[in-house]
PDB file of N, CA and C in Angstrom:
ATOM      1  N   MET A   1       0.845  -1.161  -0.016  1.00  0.00           N
ATOM      2  CA  MET A   1       0.004   0.023   0.005  1.00  0.00           C
ATOM      3  C   MET A   1       0.870   1.241   0.006  1.00  0.00           C
ATOM      4  N   ALA A   2       0.507   2.221  -0.775  1.00  0.00           N
ATOM      5  CA  ALA A   2       1.296   3.457  -0.884  1.00  0.00           C
ATOM      6  C   ALA A   2       1.081   4.327   0.338  1.00  0.00           C
ATOM      7  N   LYS A   3       2.207   4.942   0.808  1.00  0.00           N
ATOM      8  CA  LYS A   3       2.130   5.866   1.913  1.00  0.00           C
ATOM      9  C   LYS A   3       1.520   7.190   1.455  1.00  0.00           C
ATOM     10  N   GLU A   4       0.701   7.771   2.318  1.00  0.00           N
ATOM     11  CA  GLU A   4       0.163   9.091   2.001  1.00  0.00           C
ATOM     12  C   GLU A   4       1.250  10.111   2.325  1.00  0.00           C
ATOM     13  N   MET A   5       1.489  11.007   1.400  1.00  0.00           N
ATOM     14  CA  MET A   5       2.486  12.056   1.583  1.00  0.00           C
ATOM     15  C   MET A   5       1.958  13.147   2.475  1.00  0.00           C
ATOM     16  N   ARG A   6       2.820  13.725   3.294  1.00  0.00           N
ATOM     17  CA  ARG A   6       2.446  14.858   4.125  1.00  0.00           C
ATOM     18  C   ARG A   6       2.379  16.084   3.246  1.00  0.00           C
ATOM     19  N   SER A   7       1.413  16.950   3.517  1.00  0.00           N
ATOM     20  CA  SER A   7       1.278  18.152   2.690  1.00  0.00           C
ATOM     21  C   SER A   7       1.642  19.403   3.511  1.00  0.00           C
ATOM     22  N   ILE A   8       1.999  20.461   2.814  1.00  0.00           N
ATOM     23  CA  ILE A   8       2.311  21.743   3.417  1.00  0.00           C
ATOM     24  C   ILE A   8       1.396  22.777   2.744  1.00  0.00           C
ATOM     25  N   ASP A   9       0.677  23.553   3.581  1.00  0.00           N
ATOM     26  CA  ASP A   9      -0.187  24.601   3.045  1.00  0.00           C
ATOM     27  C   ASP A   9       0.662  25.806   2.690  1.00  0.00           C
ATOM     28  N   ILE A  10       0.632  26.145   1.413  1.00  0.00           N
ATOM     29  CA  ILE A  10       1.449  27.266   0.918  1.00  0.00           C
ATOM     30  C   ILE A  10       0.658  28.524   0.639  1.00  0.00           C
ATOM     31  N   SER A  11      -0.579  28.535   1.142  1.00  0.00           N
ATOM     32  CA  SER A  11      -1.464  29.670   0.863  1.00  0.00           C
ATOM     33  C   SER A  11      -0.866  30.982   1.290  1.00  0.00           C
ATOM     34  N   GLY A  12      -0.121  30.997   2.384  1.00  0.00           N
ATOM     35  CA  GLY A  12       0.464  32.222   2.887  1.00  0.00           C
ATOM     36  C   GLY A  12       1.830  32.558   2.343  1.00  0.00           C
ATOM     37  N   VAL A  13       2.328  31.747   1.368  1.00  0.00           N
ATOM     38  CA  VAL A  13       3.656  32.006   0.774  1.00  0.00           C
ATOM     39  C   VAL A  13       3.484  32.246  -0.724  1.00  0.00           C
ATOM     40  N   PRO A  14       3.292  33.537  -1.112  1.00  0.00           N
ATOM     41  CA  PRO A  14       2.969  33.868  -2.510  1.00  0.00           C
ATOM     42  C   PRO A  14       4.015  33.352  -3.516  1.00  0.00           C
ATOM     43  N   ASP A  15       5.287  33.378  -3.142  1.00  0.00           N
ATOM     44  CA  ASP A  15       6.283  32.877  -4.107  1.00  0.00           C
ATOM     45  C   ASP A  15       6.088  31.378  -4.408  1.00  0.00           C
ATOM     46  N   MET A  16       5.800  30.623  -3.384  1.00  0.00           N
ATOM     47  CA  MET A  16       5.578  29.170  -3.580  1.00  0.00           C
ATOM     48  C   MET A  16       4.300  28.923  -4.390  1.00  0.00           C
ATOM     49  N   VAL A  17       3.269  29.743  -4.136  1.00  0.00           N
ATOM     50  CA  VAL A  17       2.047  29.599  -4.912  1.00  0.00           C
ATOM     51  C   VAL A  17       2.326  29.859  -6.393  1.00  0.00           C
ATOM     52  N   ARG A  18       3.131  30.877  -6.640  1.00  0.00           N
ATOM     53  CA  ARG A  18       3.464  31.220  -8.031  1.00  0.00           C
ATOM     54  C   ARG A  18       4.250  30.072  -8.680  1.00  0.00           C
ATOM     55  N   ILE A  19       5.198  29.506  -7.958  1.00  0.00           N
ATOM     56  CA  ILE A  19       5.984  28.373  -8.502  1.00  0.00           C
ATOM     57  C   ILE A  19       5.070  27.159  -8.779  1.00  0.00           C
ATOM     58  N   ALA A  20       4.195  26.845  -7.826  1.00  0.00           N
ATOM     59  CA  ALA A  20       3.281  25.745  -7.953  1.00  0.00           C
ATOM     60  C   ALA A  20       2.360  25.925  -9.149  1.00  0.00           C
ATOM     61  N   GLU A  21       1.846  27.132  -9.338  1.00  0.00           N
ATOM     62  CA  GLU A  21       0.995  27.415 -10.468  1.00  0.00           C
ATOM     63  C   GLU A  21       1.746  27.264 -11.811  1.00  0.00           C
ATOM     64  N   GLU A  22       2.988  27.702 -11.849  1.00  0.00           N
ATOM     65  CA  GLU A  22       3.829  27.583 -13.048  1.00  0.00           C
ATOM     66  C   GLU A  22       4.033  26.102 -13.378  1.00  0.00           C
ATOM     67  N   VAL A  23       4.347  25.322 -12.373  1.00  0.00           N
ATOM     68  CA  VAL A  23       4.569  23.869 -12.561  1.00  0.00           C
ATOM     69  C   VAL A  23       3.289  23.221 -13.053  1.00  0.00           C
ATOM     70  N   ARG A  24       2.148  23.574 -12.451  1.00  0.00           N
ATOM     71  CA  ARG A  24       0.900  22.956 -12.877  1.00  0.00           C
ATOM     72  C   ARG A  24       0.538  23.334 -14.298  1.00  0.00           C
ATOM     73  N   THR A  25       0.707  24.596 -14.680  1.00  0.00           N
ATOM     74  CA  THR A  25       0.294  25.004 -16.044  1.00  0.00           C
ATOM     75  C   THR A  25       1.268  24.500 -17.086  1.00  0.00           C
ATOM     76  N   SER A  26       2.559  24.444 -16.799  1.00  0.00           N
ATOM     77  CA  SER A  26       3.560  23.995 -17.791  1.00  0.00           C
ATOM     78  C   SER A  26       3.617  22.479 -17.847  1.00  0.00           C
ATOM     79  N   GLY A  27       3.269  21.814 -16.763  1.00  0.00           N
ATOM     80  CA  GLY A  27       3.365  20.372 -16.709  1.00  0.00           C
ATOM     81  C   GLY A  27       4.784  19.862 -16.584  1.00  0.00           C
ATOM     82  N   ARG A  28       5.745  20.797 -16.332  1.00  0.00           N
ATOM     83  CA  ARG A  28       7.144  20.424 -16.226  1.00  0.00           C
ATOM     84  C   ARG A  28       7.646  20.593 -14.788  1.00  0.00           C
ATOM     85  N   PRO A  29       8.394  19.627 -14.271  1.00  0.00           N
ATOM     86  CA  PRO A  29       8.920  19.762 -12.894  1.00  0.00           C
ATOM     87  C   PRO A  29       9.961  20.849 -12.776  1.00  0.00           C
ATOM     88  N   ARG A  30      10.133  21.365 -11.576  1.00  0.00           N
ATOM     89  CA  ARG A  30      11.187  22.341 -11.303  1.00  0.00           C
ATOM     90  C   ARG A  30      11.972  21.919 -10.077  1.00  0.00           C
ATOM     91  N   ILE A  31      13.288  22.168 -10.127  1.00  0.00           N
ATOM     92  CA  ILE A  31      14.162  21.856  -8.985  1.00  0.00           C
ATOM     93  C   ILE A  31      14.408  23.154  -8.249  1.00  0.00           C
ATOM     94  N   LEU A  32      14.286  23.086  -6.923  1.00  0.00           N
ATOM     95  CA  LEU A  32      14.532  24.255  -6.046  1.00  0.00           C
ATOM     96  C   LEU A  32      15.981  24.144  -5.554  1.00  0.00           C
ATOM     97  N   ARG A  33      16.758  25.223  -5.794  1.00  0.00           N
ATOM     98  CA  ARG A  33      18.181  25.223  -5.400  1.00  0.00           C
ATOM     99  C   ARG A  33      18.444  26.348  -4.455  1.00  0.00           C
ATOM    100  N   ARG A  34      19.444  26.094  -3.523  1.00  0.00           N
ATOM    101  CA  ARG A  34      19.955  27.118  -2.666  1.00  0.00           C
ATOM    102  C   ARG A  34      21.439  27.025  -2.660  1.00  0.00           C
ATOM    103  N   ASN A  35      22.112  28.103  -3.033  1.00  0.00           N
ATOM    104  CA  ASN A  35      23.580  28.163  -3.096  1.00  0.00           C
ATOM    105  C   ASN A  35      24.161  27.045  -3.928  1.00  0.00           C
ATOM    106  N   GLY A  36      23.538  26.743  -5.076  1.00  0.00           N
ATOM    107  CA  GLY A  36      24.055  25.709  -5.949  1.00  0.00           C
ATOM    108  C   GLY A  36      23.716  24.309  -5.539  1.00  0.00           C
ATOM    109  N   GLU A  37      22.989  24.098  -4.431  1.00  0.00           N
ATOM    110  CA  GLU A  37      22.627  22.782  -3.957  1.00  0.00           C
ATOM    111  C   GLU A  37      21.185  22.504  -4.236  1.00  0.00           C
ATOM    112  N   ASP A  38      20.913  21.358  -4.886  1.00  0.00           N
ATOM    113  CA  ASP A  38      19.501  20.986  -5.142  1.00  0.00           C
ATOM    114  C   ASP A  38      18.835  20.609  -3.833  1.00  0.00           C
ATOM    115  N   MET A  39      17.714  21.254  -3.539  1.00  0.00           N
ATOM    116  CA  MET A  39      17.041  21.052  -2.235  1.00  0.00           C
ATOM    117  C   MET A  39      15.787  20.193  -2.384  1.00  0.00           C
ATOM    118  N   ALA A  40      14.998  20.478  -3.389  1.00  0.00           N
ATOM    119  CA  ALA A  40      13.733  19.781  -3.557  1.00  0.00           C
ATOM    120  C   ALA A  40      13.306  19.869  -5.022  1.00  0.00           C
ATOM    121  N   MET A  41      12.277  19.060  -5.327  1.00  0.00           N
ATOM    122  CA  MET A  41      11.724  19.081  -6.671  1.00  0.00           C
ATOM    123  C   MET A  41      10.199  19.289  -6.544  1.00  0.00           C
ATOM    124  N   VAL A  42       9.704  20.145  -7.367  1.00  0.00           N
ATOM    125  CA  VAL A  42       8.245  20.382  -7.432  1.00  0.00           C
ATOM    126  C   VAL A  42       7.778  19.790  -8.747  1.00  0.00           C
ATOM    127  N   ILE A  43       6.854  18.793  -8.619  1.00  0.00           N
ATOM    128  CA  ILE A  43       6.378  18.129  -9.845  1.00  0.00           C
ATOM    129  C   ILE A  43       4.873  18.281  -9.937  1.00  0.00           C
ATOM    130  N   PRO A  44       4.356  18.344 -11.146  1.00  0.00           N
ATOM    131  CA  PRO A  44       2.892  18.489 -11.302  1.00  0.00           C
ATOM    132  C   PRO A  44       2.217  17.175 -10.938  1.00  0.00           C
ATOM    133  N   ILE A  45       1.010  17.323 -10.426  1.00  0.00           N
ATOM    134  CA  ILE A  45       0.200  16.150 -10.128  1.00  0.00           C
ATOM    135  C   ILE A  45      -0.826  15.964 -11.262  1.00  0.00           C
ATOM    136  N   ALA A  46      -0.857  14.759 -11.760  1.00  0.00           N
ATOM    137  CA  ALA A  46      -1.785  14.465 -12.847  1.00  0.00           C
ATOM    138  C   ALA A  46      -3.221  14.444 -12.283  1.00  0.00           C
ATOM    139  N   HIS A  47      -4.135  15.134 -12.883  1.00  0.00           N
ATOM    140  CA  HIS A  47      -5.487  15.184 -12.392  1.00  0.00           C
ATOM    141  C   HIS A  47      -6.408  14.385 -13.319  1.00  0.00           C
ATOM    142  N   GLY A  48      -7.314  13.705 -12.749  1.00  0.00           N
ATOM    143  CA  GLY A  48      -8.419  13.126 -13.443  1.00  0.00           C
ATOM    144  C   GLY A  48      -8.065  12.242 -14.637  1.00  0.00           C
ATOM    145  N   HIS A  49      -7.423  11.107 -14.372  1.00  0.00           N
ATOM    146  CA  HIS A  49      -7.194  10.163 -15.474  1.00  0.00           C
ATOM    147  C   HIS A  49      -8.543   9.762 -15.987  1.00  0.00           C
ATOM    148  N   LYS A  50      -8.743   9.932 -17.268  1.00  0.00           N
ATOM    149  CA  LYS A  50     -10.005   9.556 -17.852  1.00  0.00           C
ATOM    150  C   LYS A  50     -10.083   8.027 -17.980  1.00  0.00           C
ATOM    151  N   ARG A  51     -11.131   7.519 -17.484  1.00  0.00           N
ATOM    152  CA  ARG A  51     -11.341   6.055 -17.597  1.00  0.00           C
ATOM    153  C   ARG A  51     -11.916   5.743 -18.942  1.00  0.00           C
ATOM    154  N   ARG A  52     -11.421   4.639 -19.479  1.00  0.00           N
ATOM    155  CA  ARG A  52     -11.986   4.212 -20.747  1.00  0.00           C
ATOM    156  C   ARG A  52     -13.356   3.644 -20.556  1.00  0.00           C
ATOM    157  N   ILE A  53     -14.223   4.020 -21.426  1.00  0.00           N
ATOM    158  CA  ILE A  53     -15.605   3.507 -21.324  1.00  0.00           C
ATOM    159  C   ILE A  53     -15.604   2.121 -21.942  1.00  0.00           C
ATOM    160  N   LYS A  54     -16.017   1.141 -21.132  1.00  0.00           N
ATOM    161  CA  LYS A  54     -16.037  -0.213 -21.603  1.00  0.00           C
ATOM    162  C   LYS A  54     -17.285  -0.409 -22.473  1.00  0.00           C
ATOM    163  N   ARG A  55     -17.068  -0.978 -23.602  1.00  0.00           N
ATOM    164  CA  ARG A  55     -18.227  -1.279 -24.455  1.00  0.00           C
ATOM    165  C   ARG A  55     -18.678  -2.697 -24.137  1.00  0.00           C
ATOM    166  N   ALA A  56     -19.925  -2.956 -24.320  1.00  0.00           N
ATOM    167  CA  ALA A  56     -20.463  -4.263 -24.057  1.00  0.00           C
ATOM    168  C   ALA A  56     -19.867  -5.293 -25.021  1.00  0.00           C
ATOM    169  N   ARG A  57     -19.512  -6.417 -24.481  1.00  0.00           N
ATOM    170  CA  ARG A  57     -18.971  -7.460 -25.357  1.00  0.00           C
ATOM    171  C   ARG A  57     -20.108  -8.131 -26.140  1.00  0.00           C
ATOM    172  N   THR A  58     -19.827  -8.380 -27.376  1.00  0.00           N
ATOM    173  CA  THR A  58     -20.829  -8.974 -28.249  1.00  0.00           C
ATOM    174  C   THR A  58     -20.517 -10.465 -28.461  1.00  0.00           C
ATOM    175  N   GLN A  59     -21.431 -11.142 -29.080  1.00  0.00           N
ATOM    176  CA  GLN A  59     -21.238 -12.574 -29.378  1.00  0.00           C
ATOM    177  C   GLN A  59     -20.048 -12.730 -30.300  1.00  0.00           C
ATOM    178  N   ALA A  60     -19.853 -11.790 -31.224  1.00  0.00           N
ATOM    179  CA  ALA A  60     -18.705 -11.844 -32.169  1.00  0.00           C
ATOM    180  C   ALA A  60     -17.383 -11.756 -31.400  1.00  0.00           C
ATOM    181  N   ASP A  61     -17.360 -10.945 -30.338  1.00  0.00           N
ATOM    182  CA  ASP A  61     -16.151 -10.868 -29.483  1.00  0.00           C
ATOM    183  C   ASP A  61     -15.804 -12.212 -28.870  1.00  0.00           C
ATOM    184  N   TYR A  62     -16.818 -12.858 -28.325  1.00  0.00           N
ATOM    185  CA  TYR A  62     -16.614 -14.189 -27.700  1.00  0.00           C
ATOM    186  C   TYR A  62     -16.169 -15.221 -28.740  1.00  0.00           C
ATOM    187  N   GLU A  63     -16.746 -15.170 -29.922  1.00  0.00           N
ATOM    188  CA  GLU A  63     -16.410 -16.123 -30.946  1.00  0.00           C
ATOM    189  C   GLU A  63     -14.965 -15.885 -31.432  1.00  0.00           C
ATOM    190  N   ALA A  64     -14.557 -14.613 -31.534  1.00  0.00           N
ATOM    191  CA  ALA A  64     -13.163 -14.321 -31.967  1.00  0.00           C
ATOM    192  C   ALA A  64     -12.183 -14.804 -30.894  1.00  0.00           C
ATOM    193  N   PHE A  65     -12.549 -14.609 -29.627  1.00  0.00           N
ATOM    194  CA  PHE A  65     -11.691 -15.092 -28.544  1.00  0.00           C
ATOM    195  C   PHE A  65     -11.533 -16.581 -28.598  1.00  0.00           C
ATOM    196  N   LEU A  66     -12.629 -17.278 -28.716  1.00  0.00           N
ATOM    197  CA  LEU A  66     -12.588 -18.752 -28.736  1.00  0.00           C
ATOM    198  C   LEU A  66     -11.871 -19.274 -29.967  1.00  0.00           C
ATOM    199  N   SER A  67     -11.982 -18.599 -31.099  1.00  0.00           N
ATOM    200  CA  SER A  67     -11.327 -19.087 -32.322  1.00  0.00           C
ATOM    201  C   SER A  67      -9.796 -18.972 -32.187  1.00  0.00           C
ATOM    202  N   ALA A  68      -9.315 -18.123 -31.312  1.00  0.00           N
ATOM    203  CA  ALA A  68      -7.873 -17.957 -31.147  1.00  0.00           C
ATOM    204  C   ALA A  68      -7.278 -19.104 -30.277  1.00  0.00           C
ATOM    205  N   ALA A  69      -8.087 -19.782 -29.540  1.00  0.00           N
ATOM    206  CA  ALA A  69      -7.595 -20.852 -28.668  1.00  0.00           C
ATOM    207  C   ALA A  69      -6.940 -21.941 -29.520  1.00  0.00           C
ATOM    208  N   GLY A  70      -5.737 -22.305 -29.150  1.00  0.00           N
ATOM    209  CA  GLY A  70      -5.002 -23.375 -29.845  1.00  0.00           C
ATOM    210  C   GLY A  70      -4.326 -22.876 -31.133  1.00  0.00           C
ATOM    211  N   GLY A  71      -4.299 -21.567 -31.359  1.00  0.00           N
ATOM    212  CA  GLY A  71      -3.741 -21.034 -32.592  1.00  0.00           C
ATOM    213  C   GLY A  71      -2.286 -21.274 -32.764  1.00  0.00           C
ATOM    214  N   TRP A  72      -1.526 -21.520 -31.702  1.00  0.00           N
ATOM    215  CA  TRP A  72      -0.081 -21.780 -31.801  1.00  0.00           C
ATOM    216  C   TRP A  72       0.239 -23.289 -31.783  1.00  0.00           C
ATOM    217  N   LYS A  73      -0.769 -24.080 -31.697  1.00  0.00           N
ATOM    218  CA  LYS A  73      -0.559 -25.546 -31.629  1.00  0.00           C
ATOM    219  C   LYS A  73       0.213 -25.993 -32.890  1.00  0.00           C
ATOM    220  N   GLY A  74       1.293 -26.726 -32.605  1.00  0.00           N
ATOM    221  CA  GLY A  74       2.135 -27.225 -33.701  1.00  0.00           C
ATOM    222  C   GLY A  74       3.183 -26.274 -34.184  1.00  0.00           C
ATOM    223  N   LEU A  75       3.109 -25.007 -33.768  1.00  0.00           N
ATOM    224  CA  LEU A  75       4.103 -24.008 -34.186  1.00  0.00           C
ATOM    225  C   LEU A  75       5.285 -23.946 -33.200  1.00  0.00           C
ATOM    226  N   VAL A  76       5.023 -24.211 -31.941  1.00  0.00           N
ATOM    227  CA  VAL A  76       6.056 -24.108 -30.913  1.00  0.00           C
ATOM    228  C   VAL A  76       6.140 -25.423 -30.123  1.00  0.00           C
ATOM    229  N   ASP A  77       7.362 -25.919 -29.974  1.00  0.00           N
ATOM    230  CA  ASP A  77       7.593 -27.101 -29.143  1.00  0.00           C
ATOM    231  C   ASP A  77       7.747 -26.603 -27.695  1.00  0.00           C
ATOM    232  N   ALA A  78       6.709 -26.800 -26.870  1.00  0.00           N
ATOM    233  CA  ALA A  78       6.707 -26.256 -25.513  1.00  0.00           C
ATOM    234  C   ALA A  78       7.826 -26.763 -24.657  1.00  0.00           C
ATOM    235  N   ASP A  79       8.170 -28.064 -24.766  1.00  0.00           N
ATOM    236  CA  ASP A  79       9.256 -28.624 -23.934  1.00  0.00           C
ATOM    237  C   ASP A  79      10.578 -27.993 -24.311  1.00  0.00           C
ATOM    238  N   LYS A  80      10.859 -27.816 -25.612  1.00  0.00           N
ATOM    239  CA  LYS A  80      12.087 -27.178 -26.058  1.00  0.00           C
ATOM    240  C   LYS A  80      12.127 -25.732 -25.633  1.00  0.00           C
ATOM    241  N   LEU A  81      10.991 -25.027 -25.715  1.00  0.00           N
ATOM    242  CA  LEU A  81      10.917 -23.658 -25.290  1.00  0.00           C
ATOM    243  C   LEU A  81      11.305 -23.516 -23.827  1.00  0.00           C
ATOM    244  N   LEU A  82      10.807 -24.381 -22.963  1.00  0.00           N
ATOM    245  CA  LEU A  82      11.104 -24.331 -21.543  1.00  0.00           C
ATOM    246  C   LEU A  82      12.612 -24.555 -21.296  1.00  0.00           C
ATOM    247  N   VAL A  83      13.181 -25.529 -21.996  1.00  0.00           N
ATOM    248  CA  VAL A  83      14.628 -25.811 -21.855  1.00  0.00           C
ATOM    249  C   VAL A  83      15.444 -24.575 -22.300  1.00  0.00           C
ATOM    250  N   ASP A  84      15.049 -23.971 -23.392  1.00  0.00           N
ATOM    251  CA  ASP A  84      15.768 -22.773 -23.893  1.00  0.00           C
ATOM    252  C   ASP A  84      15.659 -21.612 -22.882  1.00  0.00           C
ATOM    253  N   ILE A  85      14.489 -21.433 -22.292  1.00  0.00           N
ATOM    254  CA  ILE A  85      14.319 -20.362 -21.324  1.00  0.00           C
ATOM    255  C   ILE A  85      15.194 -20.544 -20.151  1.00  0.00           C
ATOM    256  N   TYR A  86      15.216 -21.761 -19.585  1.00  0.00           N
ATOM    257  CA  TYR A  86      16.061 -21.985 -18.378  1.00  0.00           C
ATOM    258  C   TYR A  86      17.546 -21.891 -18.728  1.00  0.00           C
ATOM    259  N   GLU A  87      17.925 -22.289 -19.929  1.00  0.00           N
ATOM    260  CA  GLU A  87      19.345 -22.173 -20.325  1.00  0.00           C
ATOM    261  C   GLU A  87      19.734 -20.700 -20.467  1.00  0.00           C
ATOM    262  N   SER A  88      18.873 -19.879 -21.043  1.00  0.00           N
ATOM    263  CA  SER A  88      19.208 -18.470 -21.207  1.00  0.00           C
ATOM    264  C   SER A  88      19.262 -17.743 -19.862  1.00  0.00           C
ATOM    265  N   ARG A  89      18.468 -18.189 -18.898  1.00  0.00           N
ATOM    266  CA  ARG A  89      18.471 -17.567 -17.562  1.00  0.00           C
ATOM    267  C   ARG A  89      19.774 -17.924 -16.836  1.00  0.00           C
ATOM    268  N   ALA A  90      20.371 -19.019 -17.160  1.00  0.00           N
ATOM    269  CA  ALA A  90      21.625 -19.439 -16.487  1.00  0.00           C
ATOM    270  C   ALA A  90      22.838 -18.661 -17.015  1.00  0.00           C
ATOM    271  N   LEU A  91      22.727 -18.083 -18.226  1.00  0.00           N
ATOM    272  CA  LEU A  91      23.801 -17.305 -18.781  1.00  0.00           C
ATOM    273  C   LEU A  91      23.889 -15.934 -18.157  1.00  0.00           C
ATOM    274  N   SER A  92      25.065 -15.484 -17.786  1.00  0.00           N
ATOM    275  CA  SER A  92      25.234 -14.154 -17.262  1.00  0.00           C
ATOM    276  C   SER A  92      25.588 -13.207 -18.378  1.00  0.00           C
ATOM    277  N   THR A  93      24.861 -12.092 -18.456  1.00  0.00           N
ATOM    278  CA  THR A  93      25.124 -11.117 -19.496  1.00  0.00           C
ATOM    279  C   THR A  93      25.863  -9.911 -18.951  1.00  0.00           C
ATOM    280  N   LYS A  94      26.069  -9.890 -17.614  1.00  0.00           N
ATOM    281  CA  LYS A  94      26.754  -8.773 -16.990  1.00  0.00           C
ATOM    282  C   LYS A  94      28.255  -9.028 -16.937  1.00  0.00           C
ATOM    283  N   PRO A  95      29.029  -8.014 -17.129  1.00  0.00           N
ATOM    284  CA  PRO A  95      30.481  -8.182 -17.035  1.00  0.00           C
ATOM    285  C   PRO A  95      30.911  -8.503 -15.605  1.00  0.00           C
ATOM    286  N   PRO A  96      32.005  -9.218 -15.418  1.00  0.00           N
ATOM    287  CA  PRO A  96      32.416  -9.546 -14.026  1.00  0.00           C
ATOM    288  C   PRO A  96      32.796  -8.280 -13.257  1.00  0.00           C
ATOM    289  N   ILE A  97      32.576  -8.290 -11.965  1.00  0.00           N
ATOM    290  CA  ILE A  97      32.830  -7.187 -11.099  1.00  0.00           C
ATOM    291  C   ILE A  97      34.287  -7.281 -10.659  1.00  0.00           C
ATOM    292  N   GLU A  98      35.020  -6.186 -10.853  1.00  0.00           N
ATOM    293  CA  GLU A  98      36.409  -6.128 -10.386  1.00  0.00           C
ATOM    294  C   GLU A  98      36.488  -5.189  -9.197  1.00  0.00           C
ATOM    295  N   LEU A  99      37.047  -5.682  -8.110  1.00  0.00           N
ATOM    296  CA  LEU A  99      37.186  -4.850  -6.933  1.00  0.00           C
ATOM    297  C   LEU A  99      38.586  -4.325  -6.814  1.00  0.00           C
TER     298      LEU A  99
END
């Protein structure tokens, strides 16, 4: 479960309100610096993800789904595929670490 972030009310800090409004309208994050040191980042919050409207499934949808069952039969040797997968997992693709 995600932790809820603590919030800070910036209503009384006009400069922070201006920065927050700029970030929200531009959609681009900003880094806050003090004496050349990065202190914090202000990022826009995405609002209102639009949910896709689900259309009702038709009989043709079910028939298309069922017709796809077994479509790969005879094209792939499942036992060979499993052997190949486990062999490739055993190979290291990272260079050795030198201390």
